[in-house]
C-alpha atoms as a PDB file:
ATOM      1  CA  ILE A   1      -0.054  -0.040  -0.064  1.00  0.00           C
ATOM      2  CA  GLU A   2       2.847   2.349   0.842  1.00  0.00           C
ATOM      3  CA  ILE A   3       4.293   1.864  -2.757  1.00  0.00           C
ATOM      4  CA  LYS A   4       0.767   2.657  -4.247  1.00  0.00           C
ATOM      5  CA  LEU A   5       0.694   5.797  -2.241  1.00  0.00           C
ATOM      6  CA  LYS A   6       4.105   6.924  -3.442  1.00  0.00           C
ATOM      7  CA  ILE A   7       3.177   6.200  -7.030  1.00  0.00           C
ATOM      8  CA  MET A   8      -0.110   8.247  -6.710  1.00  0.00           C
ATOM      9  CA  ALA A   9       1.687  11.178  -5.044  1.00  0.00           C
ATOM     10  CA  PHE A  10       4.151  11.058  -8.009  1.00  0.00           C
ATOM     11  CA  LEU A  11       1.495  11.077 -10.646  1.00  0.00           C
ATOM     12  CA  MET A  12      -0.515  13.864  -8.848  1.00  0.00           C
ATOM     13  CA  ARG A  13       2.494  16.270  -9.174  1.00  0.00           C
ATOM     14  CA  PHE A  14       1.752  16.038 -12.984  1.00  0.00           C
ATOM     15  CA  PHE A  15      -1.808  16.989 -12.429  1.00  0.00           C
ATOM     16  CA  SER A  16      -1.555  19.679  -9.859  1.00  0.00           C
ATOM     17  CA  GLY A  17      -1.059  23.369 -10.414  1.00  0.00           C
ATOM     18  CA  ARG A  18      -1.876  25.749 -13.262  1.00  0.00           C
ATOM     19  CA  MET A  19      -0.671  26.144 -16.890  1.00  0.00           C
ATOM     20  CA  SER A  20      -0.776  29.373 -19.059  1.00  0.00           C
ATOM     21  CA  ARG A  21      -2.223  29.415 -22.577  1.00  0.00           C
ATOM     22  CA  SER A  22       1.180  29.895 -24.148  1.00  0.00           C
ATOM     23  CA  GLU A  23       2.693  27.114 -22.045  1.00  0.00           C
ATOM     24  CA  TRP A  24      -0.255  24.821 -22.846  1.00  0.00           C
ATOM     25  CA  LEU A  25      -0.034  25.422 -26.559  1.00  0.00           C
ATOM     26  CA  LEU A  26       3.819  24.986 -26.610  1.00  0.00           C
ATOM     27  CA  LYS A  27       3.587  21.635 -24.889  1.00  0.00           C
ATOM     28  CA  ASN A  28       0.853  20.370 -27.101  1.00  0.00           C
ATOM     29  CA  VAL A  29       2.950  21.224 -30.185  1.00  0.00           C
ATOM     30  CA  GLY A  30       5.701  19.276 -28.566  1.00  0.00           C
ATOM     31  CA  VAL A  31       3.297  16.289 -27.967  1.00  0.00           C
ATOM     32  CA  ILE A  32       2.348  16.573 -31.667  1.00  0.00           C
ATOM     33  CA  VAL A  33       5.956  16.357 -32.855  1.00  0.00           C
ATOM     34  CA  PHE A  34       6.501  13.377 -30.473  1.00  0.00           C
ATOM     35  CA  ILE A  35       3.495  11.595 -31.927  1.00  0.00           C
ATOM     36  CA  ILE A  36       4.706  12.201 -35.548  1.00  0.00           C
ATOM     37  CA  PHE A  37       8.106  10.665 -34.360  1.00  0.00           C
ATOM     38  CA  LEU A  38       6.267   7.703 -32.719  1.00  0.00           C
ATOM     39  CA  ILE A  39       4.540   7.079 -36.014  1.00  0.00           C
ATOM     40  CA  PHE A  40       7.689   6.982 -37.972  1.00  0.00           C
ATOM     41  CA  VAL A  41       9.520   4.874 -35.287  1.00  0.00           C
ATOM     42  CA  GLY A  42       6.446   2.717 -34.994  1.00  0.00           C
ATOM     43  CA  MET A  43       6.375   1.912 -38.627  1.00  0.00           C
ATOM     44  CA  ARG A  44       9.818   0.348 -38.269  1.00  0.00           C
ATOM     45  CA  ILE A  45       9.423  -1.489 -35.055  1.00  0.00           C
ATOM     46  CA  VAL A  46       5.955  -3.066 -35.150  1.00  0.00           C
ATOM     47  CA  ASN A  47       7.279  -6.142 -36.809  1.00  0.00           C
ATOM     48  CA  ASN A  48       8.368  -7.633 -33.512  1.00  0.00           C
ATOM     49  CA  THR A  49       6.412  -8.132 -30.299  1.00  0.00           C
ATOM     50  CA  TRP A  50       8.641  -5.939 -27.927  1.00  0.00           C
ATOM     51  CA  GLY A  51       8.521  -3.200 -30.618  1.00  0.00           C
ATOM     52  CA  THR A  52       4.652  -3.269 -30.569  1.00  0.00           C
ATOM     53  CA  VAL A  53       4.541  -3.271 -26.867  1.00  0.00           C
ATOM     54  CA  LEU A  54       7.092  -0.272 -26.623  1.00  0.00           C
ATOM     55  CA  LEU A  55       4.916   1.652 -29.102  1.00  0.00           C
ATOM     56  CA  PHE A  56       1.659   1.024 -27.214  1.00  0.00           C
ATOM     57  CA  LEU A  57       3.248   1.977 -23.975  1.00  0.00           C
ATOM     58  CA  SER A  58       4.652   5.193 -25.493  1.00  0.00           C
ATOM     59  CA  ILE A  59       1.166   6.117 -26.800  1.00  0.00           C
ATOM     60  CA  ALA A  60      -0.465   5.370 -23.367  1.00  0.00           C
ATOM     61  CA  LEU A  61       2.143   7.568 -21.546  1.00  0.00           C
ATOM     62  CA  THR A  62       1.689  10.293 -24.221  1.00  0.00           C
ATOM     63  CA  GLN A  63      -2.076  10.211 -23.476  1.00  0.00           C
ATOM     64  CA  LEU A  64      -1.631  10.335 -19.764  1.00  0.00           C
ATOM     65  CA  TYR A  65       0.628  13.401 -20.223  1.00  0.00           C
ATOM     66  CA  LEU A  66      -1.951  15.136 -22.526  1.00  0.00           C
ATOM     67  CA  LEU A  67      -4.488  14.531 -19.849  1.00  0.00           C
ATOM     68  CA  SER A  68      -2.267  16.180 -17.251  1.00  0.00           C
ATOM     69  CA  LEU A  69      -1.773  19.293 -19.608  1.00  0.00           C
ATOM     70  CA  HIS A  70      -5.482  19.662 -20.100  1.00  0.00           C
ATOM     71  CA  ALA A  71      -6.092  19.241 -16.405  1.00  0.00           C
ATOM     72  CA  ARG A  72      -3.591  22.044 -15.507  1.00  0.00           C
ATOM     73  CA  ARG A  73      -4.957  24.428 -18.176  1.00  0.00           C
ATOM     74  CA  LEU A  74      -8.442  23.792 -16.715  1.00  0.00           C
ATOM     75  CA  HIS A  75      -7.130  24.644 -13.292  1.00  0.00           C
ATOM     76  CA  ASP A  76      -5.858  27.951 -14.912  1.00  0.00           C
ATOM     77  CA  ILE A  77      -9.323  28.942 -15.941  1.00  0.00           C
ATOM     78  CA  GLY A  78     -10.719  27.931 -12.486  1.00  0.00           C
ATOM     79  CA  LEU A  79     -12.316  24.559 -13.562  1.00  0.00           C
ATOM     80  CA  SER A  80     -11.721  21.150 -12.114  1.00  0.00           C
ATOM     81  CA  GLY A  81      -9.050  18.958 -13.891  1.00  0.00           C
ATOM     82  CA  TYR A  82     -11.546  16.197 -13.967  1.00  0.00           C
ATOM     83  CA  TYR A  83     -13.191  17.894 -16.999  1.00  0.00           C
ATOM     84  CA  ALA A  84     -10.202  16.810 -18.965  1.00  0.00           C
ATOM     85  CA  VAL A  85     -11.431  13.303 -19.064  1.00  0.00           C
ATOM     86  CA  LEU A  86     -14.265  14.706 -21.302  1.00  0.00           C
ATOM     87  CA  TRP A  87     -11.542  15.338 -24.017  1.00  0.00           C
ATOM     88  CA  PHE A  88     -11.029  11.473 -24.260  1.00  0.00           C
ATOM     89  CA  ILE A  89     -14.849  10.740 -24.336  1.00  0.00           C
ATOM     90  CA  ILE A  90     -15.867  13.519 -26.677  1.00  0.00           C
ATOM     91  CA  SER A  91     -12.920  13.118 -29.138  1.00  0.00           C
ATOM     92  CA  PRO A  92     -13.755   9.478 -30.141  1.00  0.00           C
ATOM     93  CA  LEU A  93     -17.518  10.263 -30.154  1.00  0.00           C
ATOM     94  CA  LEU A  94     -16.794  13.228 -32.530  1.00  0.00           C
ATOM     95  CA  PHE A  95     -14.791  11.124 -34.820  1.00  0.00           C
ATOM     96  CA  VAL A  96     -17.526   8.471 -35.070  1.00  0.00           C
ATOM     97  CA  PHE A  97     -20.039  11.000 -35.633  1.00  0.00           C
ATOM     98  CA  LEU A  98     -18.084  12.808 -38.445  1.00  0.00           C
ATOM     99  CA  LEU A  99     -17.460   9.407 -39.936  1.00  0.00           C
ATOM    100  CA  LEU A 100     -21.116   8.182 -39.869  1.00  0.00           C
ATOM    101  CA  LYS A 101     -23.070  11.551 -40.580  1.00  0.00           C
ATOM    102  CA  ARG A 102     -23.927  12.002 -44.185  1.00  0.00           C
ATOM    103  CA  GLY A 103     -23.248  15.458 -45.768  1.00  0.00           C
ATOM    104  CA  GLN A 104     -26.221  17.826 -46.451  1.00  0.00           C
ATOM    105  CA  GLU A 105     -27.892  17.145 -49.887  1.00  0.00           C
ATOM    106  CA  GLY A 106     -27.249  19.924 -52.403  1.00  0.00           C
ATOM    107  CA  ASP A 107     -25.207  23.065 -51.836  1.00  0.00           C
ATOM    108  CA  ASN A 108     -25.170  24.912 -48.551  1.00  0.00           C
ATOM    109  CA  GLN A 109     -23.792  28.191 -47.000  1.00  0.00           C
ATOM    110  CA  TYR A 110     -20.358  26.693 -47.187  1.00  0.00           C
ATOM    111  CA  GLY A 111     -20.032  25.670 -50.680  1.00  0.00           C
ATOM    112  CA  VAL A 112     -21.030  23.293 -53.361  1.00  0.00           C
ATOM    113  CA  VAL A 113     -21.503  19.525 -52.978  1.00  0.00           C
ATOM    114  CA  THR A 114     -18.051  17.753 -53.256  1.00  0.00           C
ATOM    115  CA  ARG A 115     -19.134  14.157 -54.027  1.00  0.00           C
END
């Protein structure tokens, strides 16, 4: 139990405090660069089991880091960091919605039909 508490205390340091807009933006850009790097490395190492495990572990840790960035930014605007979890719920739902929703028939205010 003592080890669990130490691990939790260590992780909570990443989720406490505040983060300004500029710092949040800069760190998100860094995460995007890191994800692009992971994609290129991942294309080379997924042929073996350990490479795949390492890639998925890296992705999971990156998601945890993103969650901490969003939580600290939410703290800066006076909201609970728990709202950061919504990012991981809404993001996949939005993807599925955009994937399944048919476009409007005919032209609309944004332009002509593309299909």
